Amino acid sequence: MTKLLELLTCDDNKTFEPAYFWAALIIIVGLGLTVYGTVTGKPFDIQQYGIGSAAMLTGLGAAAKWGK
Protein backbone atom coordinates (compact mmCIF):
# COMPACT_ATOMS: atom_id res chain seq x y z
CA MET A 1 0.00 0.00 0.00
CA THR A 2 2.88 2.37 0.65
CA LYS A 3 4.15 1.93 -2.92
CA LEU A 4 0.73 2.96 -4.27
CA LEU A 5 0.74 5.96 -1.96
CA GLU A 6 4.20 6.93 -3.23
CA LEU A 7 2.89 6.88 -6.80
CA LEU A 8 0.02 9.26 -6.06
CA THR A 9 1.60 11.73 -3.65
CA CYS A 10 4.19 14.50 -3.70
CA ASP A 11 7.66 14.20 -2.19
CA ASP A 12 6.29 14.33 1.37
CA ASN A 13 4.13 11.17 0.79
CA LYS A 14 1.16 12.94 2.40
CA THR A 15 -0.11 15.46 -0.13
CA PHE A 16 -1.86 13.99 -3.17
CA GLU A 17 -0.60 15.27 -6.50
CA PRO A 18 -3.66 15.94 -8.71
CA ALA A 19 -1.83 15.11 -11.95
CA TYR A 20 -0.75 11.70 -10.65
CA PHE A 21 -4.23 11.01 -9.32
CA TRP A 22 -5.98 11.87 -12.59
CA ALA A 23 -3.44 9.89 -14.63
CA ALA A 24 -4.00 6.81 -12.45
CA LEU A 25 -7.77 7.23 -12.72
CA ILE A 26 -7.63 7.55 -16.51
CA ILE A 27 -5.52 4.39 -16.79
CA ILE A 28 -7.86 2.40 -14.54
CA VAL A 29 -10.96 3.58 -16.42
CA GLY A 30 -9.33 2.87 -19.79
CA LEU A 31 -8.42 -0.65 -18.78
CA GLY A 32 -11.91 -1.19 -17.37
CA LEU A 33 -13.53 -0.02 -20.60
CA THR A 34 -11.24 -2.28 -22.60
CA VAL A 35 -12.28 -5.30 -20.54
CA TYR A 36 -15.95 -4.29 -20.76
CA GLY A 37 -15.70 -3.90 -24.53
CA THR A 38 -14.05 -7.29 -24.85
CA VAL A 39 -16.62 -9.06 -22.68
CA THR A 40 -19.64 -7.48 -24.38
CA GLY A 41 -18.19 -7.65 -27.89
CA LYS A 42 -18.48 -3.90 -28.41
CA PRO A 43 -15.60 -2.05 -30.05
CA PHE A 44 -13.51 0.24 -27.88
CA ASP A 45 -10.54 2.19 -29.20
CA ILE A 46 -8.08 2.70 -26.34
CA GLN A 47 -5.89 4.93 -28.52
CA GLN A 48 -8.68 7.42 -29.18
CA TYR A 49 -9.64 7.31 -25.51
CA GLY A 50 -6.04 8.11 -24.54
CA ILE A 51 -5.80 10.99 -27.02
CA GLY A 52 -9.07 12.47 -25.75
CA SER A 53 -8.08 12.06 -22.12
CA ALA A 54 -4.68 13.64 -22.68
CA ALA A 55 -6.25 16.57 -24.52
CA MET A 56 -8.75 17.07 -21.71
CA LEU A 57 -6.04 17.00 -19.03
CA THR A 58 -3.92 19.43 -21.04
CA GLY A 59 -6.83 21.82 -21.33
CA LEU A 60 -7.62 21.55 -17.63
CA GLY A 61 -3.99 22.13 -16.70
CA ALA A 62 -3.73 25.17 -18.95
CA ALA A 63 -6.99 26.59 -17.59
CA ALA A 64 -5.82 26.06 -14.02
CA LYS A 65 -2.48 27.74 -14.74
CA TRP A 66 -3.94 30.73 -16.57
CA GLY A 67 -6.84 31.08 -14.16
CA LYS A 68 -4.56 31.93 -11.24
C-alpha atoms as a PDB file:
ATOM      1  CA  MET A   1       0.000   0.000   0.000  1.00  0.00           C
ATOM      2  CA  THR A   2       2.883   2.367   0.646  1.00  0.00           C
ATOM      3  CA  LYS A   3       4.148   1.933  -2.925  1.00  0.00           C
ATOM      4  CA  LEU A   4       0.733   2.958  -4.265  1.00  0.00           C
ATOM      5  CA  LEU A   5       0.741   5.964  -1.960  1.00  0.00           C
ATOM      6  CA  GLU A   6       4.202   6.926  -3.225  1.00  0.00           C
ATOM      7  CA  LEU A   7       2.895   6.876  -6.803  1.00  0.00           C
ATOM      8  CA  LEU A   8       0.022   9.257  -6.063  1.00  0.00           C
ATOM      9  CA  THR A   9       1.605  11.728  -3.647  1.00  0.00           C
ATOM     10  CA  CYS A  10       4.192  14.502  -3.702  1.00  0.00           C
ATOM     11  CA  ASP A  11       7.656  14.198  -2.193  1.00  0.00           C
ATOM     12  CA  ASP A  12       6.288  14.327   1.368  1.00  0.00           C
ATOM     13  CA  ASN A  13       4.130  11.171   0.792  1.00  0.00           C
ATOM     14  CA  LYS A  14       1.161  12.941   2.401  1.00  0.00           C
ATOM     15  CA  THR A  15      -0.107  15.464  -0.133  1.00  0.00           C
ATOM     16  CA  PHE A  16      -1.857  13.991  -3.172  1.00  0.00           C
ATOM     17  CA  GLU A  17      -0.602  15.271  -6.501  1.00  0.00           C
ATOM     18  CA  PRO A  18      -3.657  15.939  -8.711  1.00  0.00           C
ATOM     19  CA  ALA A  19      -1.826  15.113 -11.948  1.00  0.00           C
ATOM     20  CA  TYR A  20      -0.750  11.696 -10.655  1.00  0.00           C
ATOM     21  CA  PHE A  21      -4.228  11.008  -9.316  1.00  0.00           C
ATOM     22  CA  TRP A  22      -5.980  11.868 -12.587  1.00  0.00           C
ATOM     23  CA  ALA A  23      -3.443   9.891 -14.627  1.00  0.00           C
ATOM     24  CA  ALA A  24      -4.002   6.809 -12.454  1.00  0.00           C
ATOM     25  CA  LEU A  25      -7.769   7.228 -12.717  1.00  0.00           C
ATOM     26  CA  ILE A  26      -7.626   7.548 -16.512  1.00  0.00           C
ATOM     27  CA  ILE A  27      -5.517   4.395 -16.785  1.00  0.00           C
ATOM     28  CA  ILE A  28      -7.860   2.402 -14.544  1.00  0.00           C
ATOM     29  CA  VAL A  29     -10.965   3.581 -16.422  1.00  0.00           C
ATOM     30  CA  GLY A  30      -9.335   2.874 -19.795  1.00  0.00           C
ATOM     31  CA  LEU A  31      -8.422  -0.648 -18.780  1.00  0.00           C
ATOM     32  CA  GLY A  32     -11.911  -1.194 -17.366  1.00  0.00           C
ATOM     33  CA  LEU A  33     -13.528  -0.016 -20.597  1.00  0.00           C
ATOM     34  CA  THR A  34     -11.235  -2.283 -22.599  1.00  0.00           C
ATOM     35  CA  VAL A  35     -12.280  -5.304 -20.537  1.00  0.00           C
ATOM     36  CA  TYR A  36     -15.948  -4.289 -20.758  1.00  0.00           C
ATOM     37  CA  GLY A  37     -15.699  -3.897 -24.530  1.00  0.00           C
ATOM     38  CA  THR A  38     -14.049  -7.290 -24.851  1.00  0.00           C
ATOM     39  CA  VAL A  39     -16.619  -9.064 -22.684  1.00  0.00           C
ATOM     40  CA  THR A  40     -19.640  -7.475 -24.381  1.00  0.00           C
ATOM     41  CA  GLY A  41     -18.195  -7.649 -27.890  1.00  0.00           C
ATOM     42  CA  LYS A  42     -18.485  -3.897 -28.413  1.00  0.00           C
ATOM     43  CA  PRO A  43     -15.602  -2.053 -30.047  1.00  0.00           C
ATOM     44  CA  PHE A  44     -13.508   0.243 -27.877  1.00  0.00           C
ATOM     45  CA  ASP A  45     -10.538   2.186 -29.204  1.00  0.00           C
ATOM     46  CA  ILE A  46      -8.082   2.702 -26.335  1.00  0.00           C
ATOM     47  CA  GLN A  47      -5.886   4.925 -28.518  1.00  0.00           C
ATOM     48  CA  GLN A  48      -8.676   7.420 -29.181  1.00  0.00           C
ATOM     49  CA  TYR A  49      -9.644   7.311 -25.515  1.00  0.00           C
ATOM     50  CA  GLY A  50      -6.044   8.109 -24.543  1.00  0.00           C
ATOM     51  CA  ILE A  51      -5.804  10.986 -27.025  1.00  0.00           C
ATOM     52  CA  GLY A  52      -9.070  12.466 -25.754  1.00  0.00           C
ATOM     53  CA  SER A  53      -8.080  12.064 -22.120  1.00  0.00           C
ATOM     54  CA  ALA A  54      -4.677  13.643 -22.682  1.00  0.00           C
ATOM     55  CA  ALA A  55      -6.251  16.573 -24.521  1.00  0.00           C
ATOM     56  CA  MET A  56      -8.751  17.065 -21.706  1.00  0.00           C
ATOM     57  CA  LEU A  57      -6.038  17.002 -19.029  1.00  0.00           C
ATOM     58  CA  THR A  58      -3.921  19.429 -21.039  1.00  0.00           C
ATOM     59  CA  GLY A  59      -6.831  21.821 -21.329  1.00  0.00           C
ATOM     60  CA  LEU A  60      -7.625  21.552 -17.633  1.00  0.00           C
ATOM     61  CA  GLY A  61      -3.994  22.132 -16.704  1.00  0.00           C
ATOM     62  CA  ALA A  62      -3.729  25.167 -18.951  1.00  0.00           C
ATOM     63  CA  ALA A  63      -6.985  26.588 -17.589  1.00  0.00           C
ATOM     64  CA  ALA A  64      -5.819  26.064 -14.016  1.00  0.00           C
ATOM     65  CA  LYS A  65      -2.481  27.735 -14.743  1.00  0.00           C
ATOM     66  CA  TRP A  66      -3.943  30.728 -16.570  1.00  0.00           C
ATOM     67  CA  GLY A  67      -6.842  31.083 -14.155  1.00  0.00           C
ATOM     68  CA  LYS A  68      -4.559  31.928 -11.238  1.00  0.00           C
END
